[in-house]
Amino acid sequence: MATPISGATAFAFGEAAQTDTPQTQTPQVTSGKQPVQTEFARDSINLSDGTQVQLLRRQGQTVAEIAINTALSTQAVNSYLGISEAAPPPVAVINK
């Protein structure tokens, strides 16, 4: 049975919050056997390295954090983000 929440509307919490939750039933053992436990497969998504880097960047992580969390080099992370590394500054040669 759904319990109304004061100050809330069906629109605010969605229609699903207003319905009863289904009750799970425990299987009855009628023979000497134990009931079979079923495990449900979980859905999973494998993101490519580039997609994962882009997602972490949008979540506000720095290049260093992304490199650590994805086990990629900072050069690879920069490449996926389209960040080109600046050329090293020119070295001044002094003639004596």
Protein backbone atom coordinates (compact mmCIF):
# COMPACT_ATOMS: atom_id res chain seq x y z
CA MET A 1 0.00 0.00 0.00
CA ALA A 2 1.36 3.38 -0.96
CA THR A 3 1.81 5.91 1.79
CA PRO A 4 1.00 9.47 0.77
CA ILE A 5 3.76 12.00 1.27
CA SER A 6 2.56 15.31 2.60
CA GLY A 7 3.25 18.28 0.40
CA ALA A 8 4.05 16.14 -2.63
CA THR A 9 2.13 15.56 -5.80
CA ALA A 10 2.07 12.65 -8.22
CA PHE A 11 3.74 14.95 -10.74
CA ALA A 12 6.67 15.68 -8.42
CA PHE A 13 7.43 12.07 -7.60
CA GLY A 14 6.17 10.35 -10.71
CA GLU A 15 3.34 7.91 -11.07
CA ALA A 16 5.52 4.98 -9.98
CA ALA A 17 5.79 6.42 -6.47
CA GLN A 18 2.00 6.28 -6.13
CA THR A 19 1.64 2.58 -6.95
CA ASP A 20 2.02 -0.38 -4.64
CA THR A 21 5.32 -2.19 -4.65
CA PRO A 22 5.06 -5.83 -5.74
CA GLN A 23 5.53 -8.37 -2.99
CA THR A 24 8.03 -11.14 -3.60
CA GLN A 25 7.03 -14.62 -2.62
CA THR A 26 9.32 -17.21 -1.12
CA PRO A 27 9.09 -20.52 -2.99
CA GLN A 28 7.50 -23.29 -0.95
CA VAL A 29 9.49 -26.48 -0.54
CA THR A 30 7.12 -29.34 -1.28
CA SER A 31 9.65 -32.06 -1.91
CA GLY A 32 12.94 -32.75 -0.17
CA LYS A 33 14.74 -30.43 -2.60
CA GLN A 34 15.84 -26.89 -1.89
CA PRO A 35 14.37 -24.18 -4.14
CA VAL A 36 16.59 -23.16 -7.03
CA GLN A 37 18.21 -19.76 -6.56
CA THR A 38 18.20 -17.80 -9.78
CA GLU A 39 20.67 -15.05 -10.43
CA PHE A 40 19.70 -12.40 -12.87
CA ALA A 41 22.29 -11.12 -15.30
CA ARG A 42 23.06 -7.45 -14.89
CA ASP A 43 23.14 -5.21 -17.90
CA SER A 44 26.49 -3.60 -18.50
CA ILE A 45 27.99 -1.22 -21.00
CA ASN A 46 31.63 -1.14 -21.94
CA LEU A 47 32.72 2.34 -22.97
CA SER A 48 35.65 2.90 -25.28
CA ASP A 49 38.64 4.69 -23.78
CA GLY A 50 37.84 7.86 -25.72
CA THR A 51 34.20 7.91 -24.62
CA GLN A 52 35.15 7.25 -21.01
CA VAL A 53 37.71 10.08 -21.09
CA GLN A 54 35.12 12.48 -22.54
CA LEU A 55 32.56 11.47 -19.90
CA LEU A 56 34.99 11.93 -17.00
CA ARG A 57 36.05 15.33 -18.38
CA ARG A 58 32.39 16.44 -18.56
CA GLN A 59 32.06 15.39 -14.94
CA GLY A 60 34.81 17.86 -14.05
CA GLN A 61 37.85 15.64 -13.64
CA THR A 62 41.28 16.95 -14.55
CA VAL A 63 43.56 15.29 -17.10
CA ALA A 64 45.70 13.88 -14.27
CA GLU A 65 42.65 12.43 -12.48
CA ILE A 66 41.36 10.89 -15.71
CA ALA A 67 44.78 9.37 -16.43
CA ILE A 68 44.85 7.78 -12.97
CA ASN A 69 41.23 6.52 -13.07
CA THR A 70 41.49 5.04 -16.56
CA ALA A 71 45.11 3.79 -16.34
CA LEU A 72 45.93 5.78 -19.48
CA SER A 73 48.91 8.03 -20.00
CA THR A 74 48.36 11.78 -19.84
CA GLN A 75 49.44 11.91 -23.47
CA ALA A 76 46.64 9.49 -24.41
CA VAL A 77 44.09 11.43 -22.35
CA ASN A 78 45.16 14.69 -24.01
CA SER A 79 44.83 13.00 -27.39
CA TYR A 80 41.27 11.83 -26.66
CA LEU A 81 40.38 15.33 -25.47
CA GLY A 82 41.92 16.98 -28.53
CA ILE A 83 44.49 18.80 -26.45
CA SER A 84 47.72 19.23 -28.32
CA GLU A 85 50.81 19.52 -26.23
CA ALA A 86 52.61 22.80 -26.61
CA ALA A 87 56.00 22.69 -28.20
CA PRO A 88 58.83 23.18 -25.73
CA PRO A 89 60.09 26.75 -25.54
CA PRO A 90 63.08 27.47 -27.73
CA VAL A 91 66.42 27.22 -26.01
CA ALA A 92 68.54 30.33 -26.29
CA VAL A 93 72.03 29.64 -27.51
CA ILE A 94 74.65 32.02 -26.22
CA ASN A 95 77.83 32.29 -28.33
CA LYS A 96 80.93 33.28 -26.46
